[in-house]
């Protein structure tokens, strides 16, 4: 019996040809394919700038650095995310402040964010990193109002939501990562994401200043821009202006990402079809489907249900070659973070006790989804 994973990449002949063309070209590392991918991605999310980097984690780190995060600062983070969304704060020597989630959506609870900022705990908070969890966008218009009130920047972790959007109070649709309300946004191109590069990431922003800083820091802090050089010895000359990193994306990865991006809208449409079919099939079962937020176009990176007997269902699915996953173990419960500070986050902890991610990827066939539905119906009736 064929295995059905919770997520996987989809590679076609166009993807193979795109990578082959780079392998036959003069550039393997950062070159024209990276610039082309950046241009196309900025158009896709309607951002002024898109800067390709080596993965989503480095994108987070670079955004924190570009926004001036330093030791002694605090940043509000969500506990229901992959650890990278929080680790980037520690890379800069700053302190993460975990705020609980909305139990209906598993998104950061914006009312609790405001309460935190207005409390003694909020003193020293300079930024907020919300996550568009599972593909459901955060209401960044509302969060922007809170952030401005307390003098905070926002980094939107949109790794789960390229192609998703939310509608603001003016009726305007805002694609995740467009930079209208967040100072910067980040994306991941891990194989289980909507767009696969193997590894890869992107920073998007409206800010020229943030974009310039990210571009400088992703390449060792080195520049050849004649307008910024302190000296100029000739066409070969460069200067290192800051302590930067090698966080670049290769042309091979960018070519794959650009090819995948050409099918992104179709991929989102397929994910929404799969989600709709799951929702209809699970209406009368002993489980709860994680909601998306109102007035949001869900990107459905994940399809999550909540079960009382999660461990048993997980094992029984595996026995039938259906591989579900748990997203996520609350970050504040990890030994590393527990040694820094203790947080009581009942909604996040209750969510974790029963969450289960079912197979969700745009290459999932109708027949394979029907297998999942049949088994879940048998186990949860």
Protein backbone atom coordinates (compact mmCIF):
# COMPACT_ATOMS: atom_id res chain seq x y z
CA UNK A 1 0.00 0.00 0.00
CA UNK A 2 1.35 3.41 -1.01
CA UNK A 3 2.33 5.83 1.76
CA UNK A 4 0.45 9.11 2.02
CA UNK A 5 2.62 11.76 3.75
CA UNK A 6 1.25 14.83 5.52
CA UNK A 7 3.04 17.04 2.98
CA UNK A 8 5.42 16.76 0.04
CA UNK A 9 6.88 18.63 -2.91
CA UNK A 10 5.60 18.36 -6.47
CA UNK A 11 8.28 18.45 -9.18
CA UNK A 12 7.46 18.45 -12.90
CA UNK A 13 9.39 18.56 -16.17
CA UNK A 14 9.37 22.38 -16.24
CA UNK A 15 11.11 22.41 -12.85
CA UNK A 16 13.74 19.96 -14.05
CA UNK A 17 14.35 21.99 -17.20
CA UNK A 18 14.70 25.23 -15.21
CA UNK A 19 17.39 23.71 -12.99
CA UNK A 20 19.12 22.07 -15.97
CA UNK A 21 19.37 25.43 -17.74
CA UNK A 22 21.14 26.92 -14.70
CA UNK A 23 23.52 23.95 -14.52
CA UNK A 24 24.49 24.68 -18.14
CA UNK A 25 24.89 28.42 -17.50
CA UNK A 26 27.74 30.50 -16.11
CA UNK A 27 26.15 30.90 -12.66
CA UNK A 28 25.44 28.29 -10.00
CA UNK A 29 25.46 30.49 -6.88
CA UNK A 30 23.79 33.89 -6.66
CA UNK A 31 23.22 35.21 -10.17
CA UNK A 32 20.49 36.24 -12.63
CA UNK A 33 18.09 33.45 -11.63
CA UNK A 34 17.99 34.83 -8.08
CA UNK A 35 17.18 38.32 -9.34
CA UNK A 36 14.43 36.94 -11.60
CA UNK A 37 12.90 34.95 -8.73
CA UNK A 38 12.97 38.03 -6.50
CA UNK A 39 11.20 40.15 -9.11
CA UNK A 40 8.49 37.58 -9.71
CA UNK A 41 7.94 36.91 -6.01
CA UNK A 42 7.62 40.61 -5.18
CA UNK A 43 4.91 40.85 -7.85
CA UNK A 44 3.16 37.75 -6.49
CA UNK A 45 2.83 39.16 -2.97
CA UNK A 46 2.59 42.81 -4.13
CA UNK A 47 5.62 43.94 -2.12
CA UNK A 48 8.10 46.65 -3.08
CA UNK A 49 11.10 44.46 -2.33
CA UNK A 50 11.83 40.73 -2.21
CA UNK A 51 15.25 39.50 -1.10
CA UNK A 52 16.06 35.81 -1.54
CA UNK A 53 18.01 34.09 1.23
CA UNK A 54 19.16 30.62 2.16
CA UNK A 55 16.11 29.59 4.24
CA UNK A 56 13.27 30.91 6.35
CA UNK A 57 15.37 30.92 9.52
CA UNK A 58 18.01 33.18 8.02
CA UNK A 59 15.21 35.41 6.71
CA UNK A 60 13.94 35.83 10.29
CA UNK A 61 17.44 36.53 11.61
CA UNK A 62 18.14 39.14 8.94
CA UNK A 63 14.83 40.91 9.60
CA UNK A 64 15.59 41.11 13.31
CA UNK A 65 19.01 42.56 12.56
CA UNK A 66 17.67 45.00 9.96
CA UNK A 67 15.12 46.30 12.47
CA UNK A 68 17.83 46.87 15.07
CA UNK A 69 17.03 44.10 17.58
CA UNK A 70 19.72 43.98 20.27
CA UNK A 71 20.52 42.39 23.64
CA UNK A 72 18.16 43.57 26.36
CA UNK A 73 15.22 44.06 23.98
CA UNK A 74 12.04 41.99 24.19
CA UNK A 75 9.88 40.60 21.36
CA UNK A 76 6.37 39.15 21.58
CA UNK A 77 6.15 35.71 19.95
CA UNK A 78 3.61 32.93 19.59
CA UNK A 79 4.14 29.51 21.21
CA UNK A 80 2.45 27.61 18.36
CA UNK A 81 5.06 27.75 15.65
CA UNK A 82 8.30 26.11 14.62
CA UNK A 83 11.16 27.07 16.93
CA UNK A 84 12.84 29.26 14.29
CA UNK A 85 10.19 31.96 14.76
CA UNK A 86 11.46 32.40 18.31
CA UNK A 87 15.11 31.42 17.91
CA UNK A 88 15.74 34.48 15.73
CA UNK A 89 15.09 36.64 18.80
CA UNK A 90 17.72 34.74 20.79
CA UNK A 91 20.24 34.98 17.93
CA UNK A 92 20.22 38.72 18.58
CA UNK A 93 20.56 38.29 22.35
CA UNK A 94 17.01 39.53 22.95
CA UNK A 95 14.25 38.02 25.11
CA UNK A 96 11.13 36.33 23.71
CA UNK A 97 7.86 37.04 25.48
CA UNK A 98 5.34 34.29 24.74
CA UNK A 99 1.70 35.35 24.40
CA UNK A 100 -1.14 32.83 24.21
CA UNK A 101 -3.15 31.93 21.13
CA UNK A 102 -6.77 32.32 20.09
CA UNK A 103 -8.13 28.78 20.74
CA UNK A 104 -10.34 28.90 17.63
CA UNK A 105 -7.59 29.68 15.11
CA UNK A 106 -4.28 28.98 16.94
CA UNK A 107 -3.16 32.45 15.77
CA UNK A 108 -1.58 34.88 18.21
CA UNK A 109 -4.38 36.36 20.36
CA UNK A 110 -4.24 40.07 19.60
CA UNK A 111 -6.24 41.00 22.70
CA UNK A 112 -3.62 39.25 24.81
CA UNK A 113 -0.88 41.02 22.87
CA UNK A 114 -2.37 44.36 23.88
CA UNK A 115 -2.74 43.20 27.50
CA UNK A 116 0.90 42.12 27.56
CA UNK A 117 2.16 45.40 26.15
CA UNK A 118 0.12 47.38 28.66
CA UNK A 119 1.44 45.31 31.59
CA UNK A 120 4.80 45.54 33.38
CA UNK A 121 5.91 42.53 31.33
CA UNK A 122 5.55 44.65 28.20
CA UNK A 123 8.22 47.12 29.25
CA UNK A 124 11.11 46.85 26.82
CA UNK A 125 9.14 45.10 24.07
CA UNK A 126 10.27 46.51 20.72
CA UNK A 127 8.72 44.06 18.26
CA UNK A 128 6.08 41.43 17.53
CA UNK A 129 6.47 38.31 15.36
CA UNK A 130 3.03 36.91 14.45
CA UNK A 131 2.75 33.68 12.44
CA UNK A 132 0.18 33.09 9.69
CA UNK A 133 -0.31 29.67 11.21
CA UNK A 134 -1.38 26.78 8.94
CA UNK A 135 -2.03 29.37 6.21
CA UNK A 136 -4.56 31.56 8.06
CA UNK A 137 -3.35 35.17 7.88
CA UNK A 138 -3.14 37.33 10.98
CA UNK A 139 -5.20 40.53 10.92
CA UNK A 140 -2.18 42.77 10.51
CA UNK A 141 -4.27 45.93 10.29
CA UNK A 142 -5.46 45.39 13.85
CA UNK A 143 -1.99 44.35 15.00
CA UNK A 144 -0.45 47.42 13.34
CA UNK A 145 -2.70 49.66 15.42
CA UNK A 146 -1.54 47.91 18.61
CA UNK A 147 2.11 47.99 17.53
CA UNK A 148 2.00 51.71 16.72
CA UNK A 149 0.36 52.47 20.07
CA UNK A 150 3.27 50.85 21.90
CA UNK A 151 6.10 51.68 19.48
CA UNK A 152 6.76 48.18 18.12
CA UNK A 153 7.80 46.83 14.75
CA UNK A 154 6.17 43.76 13.15
CA UNK A 155 7.81 40.85 11.33
CA UNK A 156 5.13 38.72 9.66
CA UNK A 157 6.16 35.06 9.59
CA UNK A 158 4.26 34.12 6.43
CA UNK A 159 6.01 30.79 5.80
CA UNK A 160 2.66 28.99 5.84
CA UNK A 161 0.78 31.51 3.75
CA UNK A 162 2.17 32.59 0.37
CA UNK A 163 -0.94 33.20 -1.71
CA UNK A 164 -3.08 33.86 1.35
CA UNK A 165 -4.55 37.27 2.12
CA UNK A 166 -6.70 39.20 4.55
CA UNK A 167 -9.27 41.91 3.90
CA UNK A 168 -8.81 45.13 5.85
CA UNK A 169 -11.45 47.56 7.14
CA UNK A 170 -11.41 49.41 3.81
CA UNK A 171 -12.35 46.22 1.95
CA UNK A 172 -8.86 45.97 0.45
CA UNK A 173 -7.37 42.51 0.05
CA UNK A 174 -3.81 42.32 1.39
CA UNK A 175 -1.65 39.41 0.21
CA UNK A 176 0.48 37.92 2.96
CA UNK A 177 3.88 39.60 2.83
CA UNK A 178 2.82 42.71 0.92
CA UNK A 179 4.31 44.97 3.62
CA UNK A 180 1.35 47.29 3.97
CA UNK A 181 1.02 46.70 7.72
CA UNK A 182 4.14 44.72 8.69
CA UNK A 183 7.65 46.19 8.58
CA UNK A 184 8.90 42.99 6.96
CA UNK A 185 7.67 39.48 6.17
CA UNK A 186 9.44 36.19 5.64
CA UNK A 187 8.75 33.04 3.63
CA UNK A 188 10.21 29.54 3.46
CA UNK A 189 10.71 27.32 0.42
CA UNK A 190 11.19 24.05 2.31
CA UNK A 191 9.89 21.05 0.29
CA UNK A 192 6.61 20.75 2.23
CA UNK A 193 5.74 24.40 1.63
CA UNK A 194 3.69 25.80 -1.27
CA UNK A 195 6.83 26.65 -3.28
CA UNK A 196 9.76 24.25 -3.02
CA UNK A 197 13.42 25.13 -3.52
CA UNK A 198 14.85 22.28 -1.41
CA UNK A 199 15.87 24.98 1.04
CA UNK A 200 15.35 28.69 0.61
CA UNK A 201 13.66 31.77 1.97
CA UNK A 202 12.53 35.27 1.09
CA UNK A 203 12.26 38.60 2.90
CA UNK A 204 9.63 41.03 1.62
CA UNK A 205 9.14 44.65 2.67
CA UNK A 206 7.94 48.05 1.55
CA UNK A 207 10.88 49.72 3.28
CA UNK A 208 13.88 50.68 1.16
CA UNK A 209 15.96 50.91 4.34
CA UNK A 210 15.08 47.41 5.55
CA UNK A 211 15.64 45.94 2.09
CA UNK A 212 19.06 47.60 1.76
CA UNK A 213 20.13 46.31 5.18
CA UNK A 214 18.97 42.74 4.47
CA UNK A 215 20.78 42.69 1.12
CA UNK A 216 23.99 43.88 2.75
CA UNK A 217 23.88 41.44 5.66
CA UNK A 218 23.04 38.37 3.53
CA UNK A 219 26.42 38.71 1.77
CA UNK A 220 28.97 39.15 4.57
CA UNK A 221 28.18 42.86 4.95
CA UNK A 222 30.15 43.43 1.74
CA UNK A 223 29.25 45.98 -0.92
CA UNK A 224 30.59 47.01 -4.33
CA UNK A 225 28.10 49.88 -4.70
CA UNK A 226 30.22 52.89 -5.78
CA UNK A 227 27.80 55.24 -4.04
CA UNK A 228 28.56 53.72 -0.63
CA UNK A 229 32.28 52.89 -0.92
CA UNK A 230 34.65 54.89 1.26
CA UNK A 231 37.38 54.36 -1.35
CA UNK A 232 37.37 52.97 -4.87
CA UNK A 233 40.46 51.26 -6.27
CA UNK A 234 38.80 49.96 -9.44
CA UNK A 235 36.13 47.60 -10.79
CA UNK A 236 37.40 44.76 -8.57
CA UNK A 237 37.11 46.73 -5.35
CA UNK A 238 34.69 45.96 -2.53
CA UNK A 239 34.35 46.90 1.13
CA UNK A 240 32.95 45.15 4.17
CA UNK A 241 30.81 47.68 6.01
CA UNK A 242 29.19 45.41 8.61
CA UNK A 243 29.62 41.96 10.11
CA UNK A 244 27.32 40.01 7.81
CA UNK A 245 26.65 36.40 6.87
CA UNK A 246 26.61 34.02 3.94
CA UNK A 247 22.82 33.74 3.77
CA UNK A 248 22.49 33.71 -0.01
CA UNK A 249 20.26 31.56 -2.21
CA UNK A 250 21.83 29.78 -5.19
CA UNK A 251 20.74 30.18 -8.80
CA UNK A 252 19.86 26.47 -8.92
CA UNK A 253 17.43 26.86 -6.02
CA UNK A 254 16.07 30.13 -7.40
CA UNK A 255 15.39 28.58 -10.79
CA UNK A 256 13.40 25.79 -9.13
CA UNK A 257 11.53 28.30 -6.98
CA UNK A 258 10.72 30.52 -9.96
CA UNK A 259 9.37 27.56 -11.90
CA UNK A 260 7.25 26.50 -8.92
CA UNK A 261 5.99 30.05 -8.48
CA UNK A 262 4.48 29.94 -11.97
CA UNK A 263 2.07 27.26 -10.65
CA UNK A 264 1.46 28.80 -7.22
CA UNK A 265 -2.05 30.11 -7.90
CA UNK A 266 -3.16 26.73 -9.18
CA UNK A 267 -1.58 25.11 -6.13
CA UNK A 268 -3.51 27.36 -3.74
CA UNK A 269 -6.75 26.61 -5.58
CA UNK A 270 -6.10 22.88 -5.28
CA UNK A 271 -5.34 23.14 -1.54
CA UNK A 272 -8.62 24.96 -1.01
CA UNK A 273 -10.48 22.20 -2.89
CA UNK A 274 -8.87 19.59 -0.65
CA UNK A 275 -9.76 21.56 2.49
CA UNK A 276 -13.38 21.99 1.38
CA UNK A 277 -13.67 18.26 0.78
CA UNK A 278 -12.23 17.44 4.21
CA UNK A 279 -14.55 19.92 5.91
CA UNK A 280 -17.63 18.43 4.24
CA UNK A 281 -16.59 14.87 5.11
CA UNK A 282 -15.81 15.61 8.77
CA UNK A 283 -19.00 17.51 9.65
CA UNK A 284 -20.49 14.76 11.83
CA UNK A 285 -17.32 13.16 13.19
CA UNK A 286 -15.90 13.33 16.71
CA UNK A 287 -13.31 15.96 15.89
CA UNK A 288 -13.01 19.70 15.49
CA UNK A 289 -11.53 21.38 12.42
CA UNK A 290 -9.21 24.31 13.18
CA UNK A 291 -10.87 27.48 11.96
CA UNK A 292 -9.43 30.10 9.68
CA UNK A 293 -9.88 33.74 10.66
CA UNK A 294 -12.87 35.69 9.32
CA UNK A 295 -12.34 37.72 6.12
CA UNK A 296 -9.14 35.85 5.37
CA UNK A 297 -8.21 33.82 2.28
CA UNK A 298 -6.65 30.74 3.82
CA UNK A 299 -3.52 29.37 2.13
CA UNK A 300 -3.90 25.87 3.70
CA UNK A 301 -0.31 24.91 4.25
CA UNK A 302 -1.77 22.57 6.88
CA UNK A 303 -5.18 21.03 7.52
CA UNK A 304 -5.50 20.59 11.27
CA UNK A 305 -8.09 18.76 13.31
CA UNK A 306 -8.41 18.50 17.08
CA UNK A 307 -9.05 15.10 18.69
CA UNK A 308 -9.46 13.79 22.21
CA UNK A 309 -7.55 10.58 21.38
CA UNK A 310 -4.84 12.10 19.19
CA UNK A 311 -2.07 9.59 20.03
CA UNK A 312 -4.26 6.61 19.20
CA UNK A 313 -5.50 8.11 15.91
CA UNK A 314 -1.93 9.04 14.95
CA UNK A 315 -0.75 5.44 15.42
CA UNK A 316 -3.73 3.90 13.67
CA UNK A 317 -3.25 6.17 10.67
CA UNK A 318 0.41 5.12 10.50
CA UNK A 319 -0.60 1.46 10.57
CA UNK A 320 -2.59 2.17 7.41
CA UNK A 321 0.34 4.05 5.76
CA UNK A 322 -1.20 7.50 6.30
CA UNK A 323 1.36 9.81 7.88
CA UNK A 324 -0.10 12.67 9.87
CA UNK A 325 1.97 15.14 11.92
CA UNK A 326 1.71 17.37 14.98
CA UNK A 327 2.13 21.15 14.50
CA UNK A 328 3.48 22.16 16.92
CA UNK A 329 4.88 21.30 20.32
CA UNK A 330 4.56 24.68 22.09
CA UNK A 331 7.93 26.40 21.93
CA UNK A 332 7.69 27.71 25.50
CA UNK A 333 7.67 24.10 26.77
CA UNK A 334 11.03 23.28 25.14
CA UNK A 335 13.81 22.70 27.71
CA UNK A 336 15.91 25.54 26.29
CA UNK A 337 13.13 28.10 26.71
CA UNK A 338 11.91 26.74 30.04
CA UNK A 339 15.33 27.48 31.50
CA UNK A 340 14.99 31.11 30.42
CA UNK A 341 11.52 31.79 31.80
CA UNK A 342 8.30 30.01 32.70
CA UNK A 343 5.08 30.88 30.85
CA UNK A 344 1.58 29.59 31.54
CA UNK A 345 -0.28 29.53 28.23
CA UNK A 346 -3.36 27.37 28.71
CA UNK A 347 -4.83 27.81 25.23
CA UNK A 348 -1.58 26.78 23.52
CA UNK A 349 -1.15 23.81 25.84
CA UNK A 350 -4.73 22.62 25.35
CA UNK A 351 -4.38 23.03 21.59
CA UNK A 352 -1.24 20.88 21.58
CA UNK A 353 -2.93 18.04 23.47
CA UNK A 354 -5.23 17.24 20.54
CA UNK A 355 -3.91 18.81 17.31
CA UNK A 356 -3.20 16.64 14.29
CA UNK A 357 -2.24 17.69 10.74
CA UNK A 358 -3.75 15.50 8.02
CA UNK A 359 -2.27 15.10 4.52
CA UNK A 360 -2.45 18.46 2.73
CA UNK A 361 -0.43 19.23 -0.40
CA UNK A 362 -1.47 20.27 -3.87
CA UNK A 363 -0.28 16.96 -5.34
CA UNK A 364 -2.64 14.96 -3.11
CA UNK A 365 -4.90 12.95 -5.42
CA UNK A 366 -8.63 12.55 -4.98
CA UNK A 367 -8.16 8.82 -4.45
CA UNK A 368 -5.55 9.33 -1.73
CA UNK A 369 -7.68 11.93 0.00
CA UNK A 370 -10.61 9.54 -0.11
CA UNK A 371 -8.45 6.94 1.64
CA UNK A 372 -7.70 9.48 4.38
CA UNK A 373 -11.37 10.39 4.72
CA UNK A 374 -12.48 6.74 4.88
CA UNK A 375 -9.97 5.89 7.61
CA UNK A 376 -10.76 9.03 9.63
CA UNK A 377 -14.47 8.30 9.33
CA UNK A 378 -13.90 4.79 10.61
CA UNK A 379 -11.76 5.98 13.53
CA UNK A 380 -13.76 9.04 14.57
CA UNK A 381 -17.39 7.99 14.13
